[in-house]
N, C-alpha and C. Protein backbone atom coordinates (compact mmCIF):
# COMPACT_ATOMS: atom_id res chain seq x y z
N MET A 1 -33.43 -91.59 127.61
CA MET A 1 -33.80 -92.98 127.58
C MET A 1 -33.37 -93.72 128.80
N ASN A 2 -34.21 -94.46 129.42
CA ASN A 2 -33.89 -95.20 130.62
C ASN A 2 -33.21 -96.52 130.28
N VAL A 3 -31.94 -96.61 130.35
CA VAL A 3 -31.20 -97.80 129.98
C VAL A 3 -31.59 -98.98 130.80
N ASP A 4 -31.85 -98.81 132.10
CA ASP A 4 -32.28 -99.96 132.94
C ASP A 4 -33.62 -100.49 132.52
N LYS A 5 -34.50 -99.67 132.11
CA LYS A 5 -35.83 -100.17 131.61
C LYS A 5 -35.69 -100.95 130.33
N ILE A 6 -34.79 -100.51 129.45
CA ILE A 6 -34.52 -101.27 128.22
C ILE A 6 -33.91 -102.63 128.56
N CYS A 7 -32.97 -102.60 129.45
CA CYS A 7 -32.30 -103.88 129.92
C CYS A 7 -33.34 -104.82 130.53
N GLU A 8 -34.25 -104.29 131.38
CA GLU A 8 -35.24 -105.11 131.98
C GLU A 8 -36.09 -105.78 130.92
N GLU A 9 -36.50 -105.08 129.89
CA GLU A 9 -37.28 -105.67 128.81
C GLU A 9 -36.54 -106.79 128.10
N ILE A 10 -35.25 -106.54 127.85
CA ILE A 10 -34.47 -107.54 127.14
C ILE A 10 -34.38 -108.78 127.94
N VAL A 11 -33.99 -108.66 129.24
CA VAL A 11 -33.87 -109.87 130.08
C VAL A 11 -35.18 -110.54 130.28
N TRP A 12 -36.24 -109.79 130.41
CA TRP A 12 -37.57 -110.38 130.62
C TRP A 12 -38.04 -111.10 129.41
N TYR A 13 -37.91 -110.55 128.23
CA TYR A 13 -38.53 -111.08 127.02
C TYR A 13 -37.57 -111.83 126.09
N SER A 14 -36.32 -111.63 126.32
CA SER A 14 -35.36 -112.26 125.35
C SER A 14 -34.57 -113.41 126.03
N LYS A 15 -33.45 -113.77 125.49
CA LYS A 15 -32.57 -114.77 126.08
C LYS A 15 -31.18 -114.55 125.57
N ARG A 16 -30.26 -115.38 126.09
CA ARG A 16 -28.86 -115.32 125.55
C ARG A 16 -28.76 -116.16 124.30
N ASP A 17 -27.97 -115.67 123.42
CA ASP A 17 -27.66 -116.42 122.19
C ASP A 17 -26.80 -117.65 122.58
N GLU A 18 -27.19 -118.81 122.08
CA GLU A 18 -26.50 -120.01 122.46
C GLU A 18 -25.08 -120.05 121.91
N GLU A 19 -24.83 -119.46 120.77
CA GLU A 19 -23.51 -119.45 120.18
C GLU A 19 -22.55 -118.50 120.88
N THR A 20 -23.00 -117.23 121.10
CA THR A 20 -22.11 -116.21 121.55
C THR A 20 -22.22 -115.98 123.08
N GLY A 21 -23.32 -116.41 123.67
CA GLY A 21 -23.54 -116.13 125.09
C GLY A 21 -24.02 -114.70 125.37
N LYS A 22 -24.10 -113.90 124.34
CA LYS A 22 -24.58 -112.53 124.54
C LYS A 22 -26.11 -112.49 124.60
N TRP A 23 -26.64 -111.52 125.31
CA TRP A 23 -28.07 -111.36 125.28
C TRP A 23 -28.50 -110.96 123.90
N ILE A 24 -29.63 -111.51 123.42
CA ILE A 24 -30.20 -111.15 122.14
C ILE A 24 -30.87 -109.81 122.33
N ILE A 25 -30.42 -108.82 121.62
CA ILE A 25 -31.06 -107.48 121.66
C ILE A 25 -31.84 -107.34 120.37
N PRO A 26 -33.17 -107.51 120.40
CA PRO A 26 -33.98 -107.48 119.16
C PRO A 26 -34.27 -106.05 118.74
N ILE A 27 -34.10 -105.80 117.44
CA ILE A 27 -34.48 -104.55 116.84
C ILE A 27 -35.30 -104.82 115.61
N VAL A 28 -36.50 -104.21 115.59
CA VAL A 28 -37.41 -104.36 114.43
C VAL A 28 -37.00 -103.35 113.37
N ILE A 29 -36.94 -103.78 112.14
CA ILE A 29 -36.48 -102.87 111.04
C ILE A 29 -37.32 -103.03 109.79
N ASP A 30 -37.58 -101.90 109.16
CA ASP A 30 -38.32 -101.83 107.93
C ASP A 30 -37.33 -101.99 106.78
N PHE A 31 -37.82 -102.25 105.56
CA PHE A 31 -36.90 -102.46 104.40
C PHE A 31 -36.87 -101.15 103.54
N ASP A 32 -37.99 -100.87 102.85
CA ASP A 32 -37.99 -99.78 101.88
C ASP A 32 -37.75 -98.44 102.57
N PHE A 33 -36.79 -97.70 102.09
CA PHE A 33 -36.43 -96.38 102.60
C PHE A 33 -35.87 -96.37 104.01
N THR A 34 -35.52 -97.54 104.48
CA THR A 34 -34.81 -97.73 105.76
C THR A 34 -33.51 -98.45 105.49
N ILE A 35 -33.61 -99.72 105.07
CA ILE A 35 -32.41 -100.46 104.66
C ILE A 35 -31.98 -99.97 103.25
N THR A 36 -32.97 -99.60 102.41
CA THR A 36 -32.69 -99.03 101.11
C THR A 36 -32.96 -97.56 101.08
N LYS A 37 -32.35 -96.90 100.09
CA LYS A 37 -32.73 -95.49 99.91
C LYS A 37 -33.57 -95.33 98.68
N GLU A 38 -33.62 -96.36 97.83
CA GLU A 38 -34.51 -96.44 96.68
C GLU A 38 -34.94 -97.87 96.51
N SER A 39 -36.19 -98.07 96.19
CA SER A 39 -36.73 -99.43 96.01
C SER A 39 -37.71 -99.40 94.89
N SER A 40 -37.76 -100.46 94.07
CA SER A 40 -38.80 -100.59 93.09
C SER A 40 -39.40 -101.97 93.20
N TRP A 41 -40.59 -102.02 93.65
CA TRP A 41 -41.28 -103.31 93.77
C TRP A 41 -41.53 -103.92 92.38
N LEU A 42 -41.80 -103.05 91.37
CA LEU A 42 -42.13 -103.54 90.06
C LEU A 42 -40.90 -104.16 89.39
N LYS A 43 -39.72 -103.52 89.55
CA LYS A 43 -38.52 -104.02 88.91
C LYS A 43 -37.72 -104.94 89.79
N GLY A 44 -38.01 -104.89 91.08
CA GLY A 44 -37.18 -105.70 92.03
C GLY A 44 -35.80 -105.19 92.18
N THR A 45 -35.61 -103.86 92.08
CA THR A 45 -34.29 -103.29 92.21
C THR A 45 -34.21 -102.40 93.49
N PHE A 46 -33.08 -102.40 94.09
CA PHE A 46 -32.85 -101.70 95.34
C PHE A 46 -31.56 -101.00 95.31
N THR A 47 -31.47 -99.85 95.99
CA THR A 47 -30.25 -99.12 96.24
C THR A 47 -29.98 -99.11 97.73
N GLU A 48 -28.88 -99.67 98.13
CA GLU A 48 -28.52 -99.77 99.54
C GLU A 48 -28.43 -98.39 100.18
N ASN A 49 -28.94 -98.28 101.35
CA ASN A 49 -28.93 -97.03 102.09
C ASN A 49 -27.44 -96.86 102.70
N ASP A 50 -26.81 -95.72 102.40
CA ASP A 50 -25.46 -95.49 102.89
C ASP A 50 -25.40 -95.71 104.41
N HIS A 51 -24.38 -96.44 104.84
CA HIS A 51 -24.04 -96.64 106.25
C HIS A 51 -24.97 -97.61 106.95
N CYS A 52 -26.04 -98.07 106.31
CA CYS A 52 -27.01 -98.93 106.97
C CYS A 52 -26.39 -100.31 107.26
N ILE A 53 -25.94 -100.97 106.20
CA ILE A 53 -25.53 -102.37 106.35
C ILE A 53 -24.28 -102.47 107.28
N GLU A 54 -23.35 -101.51 107.17
CA GLU A 54 -22.22 -101.51 108.05
C GLU A 54 -22.62 -101.30 109.51
N THR A 55 -23.64 -100.49 109.75
CA THR A 55 -24.12 -100.20 111.09
C THR A 55 -24.82 -101.49 111.64
N MET A 56 -25.65 -102.12 110.76
CA MET A 56 -26.28 -103.34 111.20
C MET A 56 -25.29 -104.46 111.58
N HIS A 57 -24.24 -104.59 110.75
CA HIS A 57 -23.15 -105.56 111.04
C HIS A 57 -22.45 -105.20 112.37
N LYS A 58 -22.15 -103.94 112.56
CA LYS A 58 -21.45 -103.53 113.78
C LYS A 58 -22.33 -103.85 114.97
N TRP A 59 -23.60 -103.50 114.93
CA TRP A 59 -24.47 -103.77 116.10
C TRP A 59 -24.64 -105.30 116.34
N GLU A 60 -24.71 -106.06 115.28
CA GLU A 60 -24.76 -107.54 115.44
C GLU A 60 -23.52 -108.06 116.17
N LYS A 61 -22.37 -107.66 115.68
CA LYS A 61 -21.10 -108.20 116.13
C LYS A 61 -20.79 -107.68 117.58
N GLU A 62 -20.87 -106.40 117.75
CA GLU A 62 -20.45 -105.82 119.03
C GLU A 62 -21.48 -105.93 120.13
N TYR A 63 -22.74 -105.90 119.84
CA TYR A 63 -23.78 -105.84 120.90
C TYR A 63 -24.78 -106.96 120.94
N GLY A 64 -24.66 -107.97 120.04
CA GLY A 64 -25.63 -109.02 120.03
C GLY A 64 -27.02 -108.71 119.50
N VAL A 65 -27.08 -107.69 118.67
CA VAL A 65 -28.33 -107.27 118.07
C VAL A 65 -28.75 -108.35 117.05
N LYS A 66 -30.03 -108.63 117.03
CA LYS A 66 -30.66 -109.44 116.02
C LYS A 66 -31.84 -108.62 115.41
N PHE A 67 -31.94 -108.66 114.13
CA PHE A 67 -32.91 -107.81 113.46
C PHE A 67 -34.13 -108.69 113.05
N ILE A 68 -35.32 -108.05 113.19
CA ILE A 68 -36.56 -108.63 112.78
C ILE A 68 -37.08 -107.74 111.70
N LEU A 69 -37.25 -108.30 110.49
CA LEU A 69 -37.77 -107.57 109.38
C LEU A 69 -39.31 -107.44 109.51
N GLU A 70 -39.75 -106.19 109.49
CA GLU A 70 -41.19 -105.91 109.49
C GLU A 70 -41.44 -104.89 108.38
N THR A 71 -42.14 -105.33 107.35
CA THR A 71 -42.29 -104.49 106.18
C THR A 71 -43.74 -104.70 105.63
N MET A 72 -44.15 -103.74 104.84
CA MET A 72 -45.48 -103.84 104.18
C MET A 72 -45.42 -104.82 103.00
N ARG A 73 -44.24 -105.30 102.65
CA ARG A 73 -44.16 -106.26 101.52
C ARG A 73 -44.88 -107.50 101.85
N GLY A 74 -45.71 -107.95 100.96
CA GLY A 74 -46.45 -109.17 101.13
C GLY A 74 -45.69 -110.41 100.68
N GLN A 75 -46.32 -111.52 100.72
CA GLN A 75 -45.68 -112.83 100.38
C GLN A 75 -44.94 -112.78 99.04
N LYS A 76 -45.57 -112.20 97.97
CA LYS A 76 -44.91 -112.19 96.68
C LYS A 76 -43.69 -111.28 96.58
N HIS A 77 -43.67 -110.27 97.41
CA HIS A 77 -42.66 -109.23 97.26
C HIS A 77 -41.60 -109.22 98.38
N ILE A 78 -41.74 -110.06 99.41
CA ILE A 78 -40.83 -109.97 100.53
C ILE A 78 -39.53 -110.74 100.25
N GLN A 79 -39.60 -111.80 99.47
CA GLN A 79 -38.39 -112.59 99.24
C GLN A 79 -37.28 -111.83 98.53
N PRO A 80 -37.54 -110.99 97.57
CA PRO A 80 -36.39 -110.18 97.01
C PRO A 80 -35.75 -109.29 98.08
N ALA A 81 -36.55 -108.78 99.03
CA ALA A 81 -35.97 -107.93 100.06
C ALA A 81 -35.07 -108.80 101.02
N ILE A 82 -35.52 -110.04 101.32
CA ILE A 82 -34.75 -110.93 102.16
C ILE A 82 -33.49 -111.32 101.41
N ASP A 83 -33.60 -111.61 100.13
CA ASP A 83 -32.44 -112.00 99.32
C ASP A 83 -31.42 -110.87 99.24
N PHE A 84 -31.94 -109.63 99.07
CA PHE A 84 -31.03 -108.47 99.01
C PHE A 84 -30.24 -108.35 100.30
N CYS A 85 -30.90 -108.48 101.41
CA CYS A 85 -30.22 -108.36 102.73
C CYS A 85 -29.26 -109.51 102.91
N GLU A 86 -29.66 -110.72 102.57
CA GLU A 86 -28.78 -111.87 102.77
C GLU A 86 -27.50 -111.76 101.87
N SER A 87 -27.66 -111.10 100.64
CA SER A 87 -26.50 -110.91 99.80
C SER A 87 -25.54 -109.87 100.44
N LYS A 88 -26.02 -109.14 101.35
CA LYS A 88 -25.16 -108.17 102.11
C LYS A 88 -24.69 -108.73 103.43
N GLY A 89 -25.01 -109.98 103.72
CA GLY A 89 -24.62 -110.67 104.95
C GLY A 89 -25.53 -110.48 106.10
N ILE A 90 -26.71 -109.97 105.86
CA ILE A 90 -27.69 -109.78 106.95
C ILE A 90 -28.76 -110.93 106.90
N LYS A 91 -28.76 -111.72 107.95
CA LYS A 91 -29.76 -112.80 108.06
C LYS A 91 -30.67 -112.41 109.18
N PHE A 92 -31.95 -112.37 108.92
CA PHE A 92 -32.93 -111.88 109.88
C PHE A 92 -33.21 -112.96 110.94
N PHE A 93 -33.41 -112.47 112.19
CA PHE A 93 -33.78 -113.34 113.29
C PHE A 93 -35.23 -113.72 113.20
N GLY A 94 -36.04 -112.79 112.60
CA GLY A 94 -37.45 -113.08 112.36
C GLY A 94 -37.93 -112.25 111.19
N ILE A 95 -39.02 -112.71 110.64
CA ILE A 95 -39.70 -111.98 109.55
C ILE A 95 -41.13 -111.70 110.02
N GLY A 96 -41.42 -110.44 110.30
CA GLY A 96 -42.74 -110.05 110.74
C GLY A 96 -43.08 -110.46 112.12
N ARG A 97 -42.12 -111.07 112.82
CA ARG A 97 -42.40 -111.59 114.18
C ARG A 97 -41.06 -111.84 114.88
N ASN A 98 -40.98 -111.48 116.14
CA ASN A 98 -39.81 -111.87 116.98
C ASN A 98 -40.13 -113.30 117.48
N PRO A 99 -39.26 -114.23 117.12
CA PRO A 99 -39.57 -115.61 117.51
C PRO A 99 -39.58 -115.90 119.03
N LEU A 100 -39.13 -114.92 119.82
CA LEU A 100 -39.04 -115.12 121.25
C LEU A 100 -40.30 -114.53 121.98
N GLN A 101 -41.04 -113.66 121.30
CA GLN A 101 -41.99 -112.87 122.03
C GLN A 101 -43.23 -113.63 122.53
N ASP A 102 -43.53 -114.76 122.02
CA ASP A 102 -44.71 -115.49 122.47
C ASP A 102 -44.37 -116.66 123.37
N ALA A 103 -43.12 -116.67 123.92
CA ALA A 103 -42.64 -117.83 124.67
C ALA A 103 -43.52 -118.14 125.89
N ASP A 104 -44.17 -117.07 126.46
CA ASP A 104 -45.03 -117.28 127.62
C ASP A 104 -46.44 -117.74 127.27
N GLY A 105 -46.69 -117.98 126.01
CA GLY A 105 -47.96 -118.47 125.58
C GLY A 105 -49.04 -117.38 125.31
N ASP A 106 -48.64 -116.11 125.53
CA ASP A 106 -49.54 -115.02 125.29
C ASP A 106 -49.26 -114.33 124.02
N THR A 107 -50.00 -114.61 122.97
CA THR A 107 -49.73 -114.11 121.62
C THR A 107 -50.20 -112.66 121.46
N THR A 108 -49.32 -111.85 120.88
CA THR A 108 -49.62 -110.47 120.61
C THR A 108 -49.49 -110.18 119.10
N CYS A 109 -50.19 -109.21 118.60
CA CYS A 109 -50.15 -108.92 117.19
C CYS A 109 -48.99 -107.92 116.86
N LYS A 110 -48.43 -107.35 117.89
CA LYS A 110 -47.32 -106.32 117.61
C LYS A 110 -45.97 -107.00 117.73
N CYS A 111 -45.14 -106.75 116.74
CA CYS A 111 -43.80 -107.35 116.76
C CYS A 111 -42.94 -106.62 117.78
N TRP A 112 -42.21 -107.38 118.66
CA TRP A 112 -41.47 -106.75 119.77
C TRP A 112 -39.99 -106.67 119.47
N GLY A 113 -39.46 -105.47 119.71
CA GLY A 113 -38.03 -105.25 119.71
C GLY A 113 -37.83 -104.00 120.59
N ILE A 114 -36.56 -103.72 120.96
CA ILE A 114 -36.33 -102.55 121.80
C ILE A 114 -36.53 -101.23 121.03
N TRP A 115 -36.29 -101.30 119.75
CA TRP A 115 -36.50 -100.19 118.83
C TRP A 115 -37.18 -100.68 117.58
N ASP A 116 -37.87 -99.81 116.92
CA ASP A 116 -38.50 -100.10 115.62
C ASP A 116 -37.98 -99.01 114.65
N ILE A 117 -37.04 -99.46 113.79
CA ILE A 117 -36.42 -98.47 112.89
C ILE A 117 -37.16 -98.44 111.55
N ASP A 118 -37.79 -97.37 111.25
CA ASP A 118 -38.65 -97.22 110.05
C ASP A 118 -38.61 -95.77 109.62
N ASP A 119 -38.62 -95.59 108.30
CA ASP A 119 -38.56 -94.18 107.80
C ASP A 119 -39.86 -93.43 108.11
N ARG A 120 -40.90 -94.16 108.47
CA ARG A 120 -42.18 -93.45 108.75
C ARG A 120 -42.37 -93.09 110.22
N ASN A 121 -41.36 -93.44 111.04
CA ASN A 121 -41.51 -93.06 112.45
C ASN A 121 -41.29 -91.61 112.70
N ALA A 122 -42.08 -91.05 113.55
CA ALA A 122 -41.96 -89.65 113.90
C ALA A 122 -40.60 -89.44 114.58
N GLY A 123 -39.87 -88.40 114.21
CA GLY A 123 -38.66 -88.07 114.82
C GLY A 123 -37.43 -88.79 114.20
N THR A 124 -37.65 -89.58 113.18
CA THR A 124 -36.55 -90.34 112.57
C THR A 124 -35.68 -89.40 111.76
N PHE A 125 -34.39 -89.62 111.79
CA PHE A 125 -33.44 -88.82 111.01
C PHE A 125 -33.60 -89.18 109.52
N LEU A 126 -33.99 -88.22 108.72
CA LEU A 126 -34.26 -88.51 107.31
C LEU A 126 -33.37 -87.68 106.39
N GLU A 127 -33.06 -88.23 105.28
CA GLU A 127 -32.44 -87.54 104.13
C GLU A 127 -33.64 -87.24 103.22
N ALA A 128 -33.68 -86.07 102.66
CA ALA A 128 -34.81 -85.70 101.77
C ALA A 128 -34.20 -85.28 100.38
N PRO A 129 -34.07 -86.26 99.48
CA PRO A 129 -33.52 -85.94 98.17
C PRO A 129 -34.51 -85.04 97.38
N LYS A 130 -33.97 -84.27 96.43
CA LYS A 130 -34.82 -83.38 95.69
C LYS A 130 -35.86 -84.15 94.83
N ASN A 131 -35.39 -85.22 94.19
CA ASN A 131 -36.30 -86.01 93.31
C ASN A 131 -36.56 -87.39 93.79
N GLY A 132 -36.92 -87.54 95.04
CA GLY A 132 -37.19 -88.85 95.52
C GLY A 132 -37.85 -88.85 96.90
N ARG A 133 -38.12 -89.98 97.41
CA ARG A 133 -38.78 -90.09 98.68
C ARG A 133 -37.72 -90.04 99.80
N PRO A 134 -38.08 -89.42 100.94
CA PRO A 134 -37.08 -89.39 102.09
C PRO A 134 -36.75 -90.79 102.55
N TYR A 135 -35.50 -90.98 103.06
CA TYR A 135 -35.04 -92.22 103.56
C TYR A 135 -34.23 -91.93 104.84
N ILE A 136 -34.00 -93.02 105.63
CA ILE A 136 -33.28 -92.81 106.89
C ILE A 136 -31.83 -92.39 106.64
N ASN A 137 -31.34 -91.45 107.47
CA ASN A 137 -29.97 -91.11 107.47
C ASN A 137 -29.28 -91.93 108.51
N TRP A 138 -28.60 -93.01 108.11
CA TRP A 138 -28.00 -93.96 109.04
C TRP A 138 -26.80 -93.39 109.82
N GLN A 139 -26.12 -92.42 109.23
CA GLN A 139 -24.99 -91.83 110.00
C GLN A 139 -25.48 -91.14 111.23
N LEU A 140 -26.55 -90.37 111.10
CA LEU A 140 -27.13 -89.71 112.27
C LEU A 140 -27.77 -90.70 113.23
N LEU A 141 -28.46 -91.70 112.69
CA LEU A 141 -29.08 -92.73 113.50
C LEU A 141 -28.03 -93.51 114.31
N ASP A 142 -26.94 -93.81 113.63
CA ASP A 142 -25.80 -94.56 114.25
C ASP A 142 -25.23 -93.66 115.37
N MET A 143 -24.99 -92.39 115.12
CA MET A 143 -24.43 -91.51 116.10
C MET A 143 -25.35 -91.34 117.32
N TYR A 144 -26.62 -91.44 117.13
CA TYR A 144 -27.60 -91.33 118.24
C TYR A 144 -27.76 -92.62 119.01
N LEU A 145 -28.02 -93.75 118.33
CA LEU A 145 -28.36 -94.96 118.96
C LEU A 145 -27.17 -95.80 119.48
N THR A 146 -26.04 -95.79 118.79
CA THR A 146 -24.92 -96.61 119.22
C THR A 146 -24.46 -96.29 120.63
N PRO A 147 -24.32 -95.06 121.08
CA PRO A 147 -23.93 -94.87 122.49
C PRO A 147 -25.00 -95.46 123.50
N ILE A 148 -26.28 -95.38 123.15
CA ILE A 148 -27.31 -95.96 124.00
C ILE A 148 -27.18 -97.47 123.98
N LEU A 149 -27.01 -98.05 122.80
CA LEU A 149 -26.88 -99.48 122.68
C LEU A 149 -25.66 -100.00 123.48
N LYS A 150 -24.58 -99.26 123.43
CA LYS A 150 -23.37 -99.57 124.19
C LYS A 150 -23.68 -99.64 125.69
N LYS A 151 -24.37 -98.65 126.20
CA LYS A 151 -24.74 -98.60 127.62
C LYS A 151 -25.64 -99.83 127.97
N VAL A 152 -26.63 -100.08 127.12
CA VAL A 152 -27.53 -101.23 127.34
C VAL A 152 -26.71 -102.50 127.40
N TYR A 153 -25.80 -102.72 126.46
CA TYR A 153 -25.04 -103.95 126.38
C TYR A 153 -24.23 -104.15 127.63
N LYS A 154 -23.57 -103.07 128.08
CA LYS A 154 -22.74 -103.11 129.32
C LYS A 154 -23.56 -103.38 130.55
N ARG A 155 -24.78 -102.95 130.55
CA ARG A 155 -25.61 -102.97 131.77
C ARG A 155 -26.40 -104.30 131.90
N LEU A 156 -26.57 -105.03 130.86
CA LEU A 156 -27.43 -106.21 130.88
C LEU A 156 -27.02 -107.25 131.95
N ASP A 157 -25.72 -107.52 132.05
CA ASP A 157 -25.28 -108.51 133.08
C ASP A 157 -25.60 -108.04 134.46
N GLU A 158 -25.56 -106.74 134.72
CA GLU A 158 -25.79 -106.18 136.05
C GLU A 158 -27.24 -106.25 136.49
N VAL A 159 -28.18 -106.22 135.51
CA VAL A 159 -29.62 -106.30 135.90
C VAL A 159 -30.15 -107.72 135.76
N GLU A 160 -29.41 -108.59 135.17
CA GLU A 160 -29.92 -109.94 134.85
C GLU A 160 -30.46 -110.71 136.05
N GLU A 161 -29.65 -110.83 137.09
CA GLU A 161 -30.08 -111.59 138.26
C GLU A 161 -31.37 -111.06 138.88
N ARG A 162 -31.45 -109.74 139.06
CA ARG A 162 -32.64 -109.10 139.67
C ARG A 162 -33.88 -109.32 138.82
N VAL A 163 -33.72 -109.15 137.50
CA VAL A 163 -34.89 -109.27 136.61
C VAL A 163 -35.33 -110.70 136.50
N LEU A 164 -34.40 -111.68 136.40
CA LEU A 164 -34.79 -113.07 136.34
C LEU A 164 -35.48 -113.53 137.62
N GLU A 165 -34.99 -113.06 138.77
CA GLU A 165 -35.69 -113.36 140.04
C GLU A 165 -37.09 -112.80 140.07
N ALA A 166 -37.25 -111.55 139.65
CA ALA A 166 -38.59 -110.96 139.56
C ALA A 166 -39.48 -111.70 138.61
N LYS A 167 -38.95 -112.18 137.47
CA LYS A 167 -39.71 -112.94 136.50
C LYS A 167 -40.11 -114.28 137.08
N ARG A 168 -39.24 -114.94 137.82
CA ARG A 168 -39.52 -116.20 138.46
C ARG A 168 -40.66 -116.04 139.49
N LEU A 169 -40.56 -114.99 140.25
CA LEU A 169 -41.61 -114.73 141.27
C LEU A 169 -42.94 -114.41 140.56
N ALA A 170 -42.92 -113.64 139.51
CA ALA A 170 -44.10 -113.29 138.81
C ALA A 170 -44.84 -114.53 138.25
N HIS A 171 -44.02 -115.43 137.70
CA HIS A 171 -44.62 -116.66 137.18
C HIS A 171 -45.15 -117.57 138.26
N GLU A 172 -44.46 -117.63 139.39
CA GLU A 172 -44.95 -118.44 140.53
C GLU A 172 -46.25 -117.86 141.04
N GLU A 173 -46.34 -116.56 141.13
CA GLU A 173 -47.51 -115.92 141.73
C GLU A 173 -48.55 -115.53 140.65
N ASN A 174 -48.18 -115.73 139.40
CA ASN A 174 -49.07 -115.41 138.27
C ASN A 174 -49.56 -113.97 138.30
N LYS A 175 -48.55 -113.05 138.40
CA LYS A 175 -48.88 -111.62 138.45
C LYS A 175 -47.74 -110.79 137.92
N PHE A 176 -48.02 -109.57 137.70
CA PHE A 176 -47.00 -108.63 137.27
C PHE A 176 -46.18 -108.18 138.47
N VAL A 177 -44.93 -107.91 138.22
CA VAL A 177 -44.00 -107.49 139.33
C VAL A 177 -43.26 -106.25 138.82
N GLU A 178 -43.22 -105.24 139.64
CA GLU A 178 -42.38 -104.07 139.40
C GLU A 178 -41.01 -104.30 139.87
N ILE A 179 -39.99 -104.00 139.10
CA ILE A 179 -38.62 -104.20 139.53
C ILE A 179 -38.13 -102.90 140.17
N ASP A 180 -37.48 -103.04 141.37
CA ASP A 180 -36.98 -101.90 142.07
C ASP A 180 -35.59 -101.54 141.57
N TYR A 181 -35.44 -100.29 141.12
CA TYR A 181 -34.18 -99.82 140.60
C TYR A 181 -33.44 -98.93 141.63
N SER A 182 -33.91 -98.86 142.81
CA SER A 182 -33.28 -98.03 143.82
C SER A 182 -32.15 -98.84 144.54
N TYR A 183 -31.03 -98.94 143.92
CA TYR A 183 -29.91 -99.69 144.51
C TYR A 183 -28.73 -98.81 144.62
């Protein structure tokens, strides 16, 4: 993974959190079989996925991550998912949309984050119970993504000036700009 490219995206499309001063690192996340390991839409019952909530809290606190909930749950069914997460101390930055992504006036239909964590993603670390649907293994995901996230977090301040200058020039000239990483 190219950490500098991830940092470029964050500085280009995101901003610093006004409270903490940290760069907002957006991560899109699914609910069923990602945050939960069992879900029942009919009963409105959920079983928390092991290690998920603690990993989400750690990433929020240590790295400035903000989560955007993107799920197949519709209007009638999404509120119990939001309530479940809020009862665990997770407040979403966005629901179905990153609130920062359309700041330049160009609306897109795809929700933007540096990663999209979903049990249906190819290559995702899954637990496969004998009598149930596979769900994300957050211990393995944490072991894989946290070191990358740590590098991204440390590198953001170093690329900030160069990326913001490139962004300023791009807006002035109304064109795309490639950022030179040969330093």
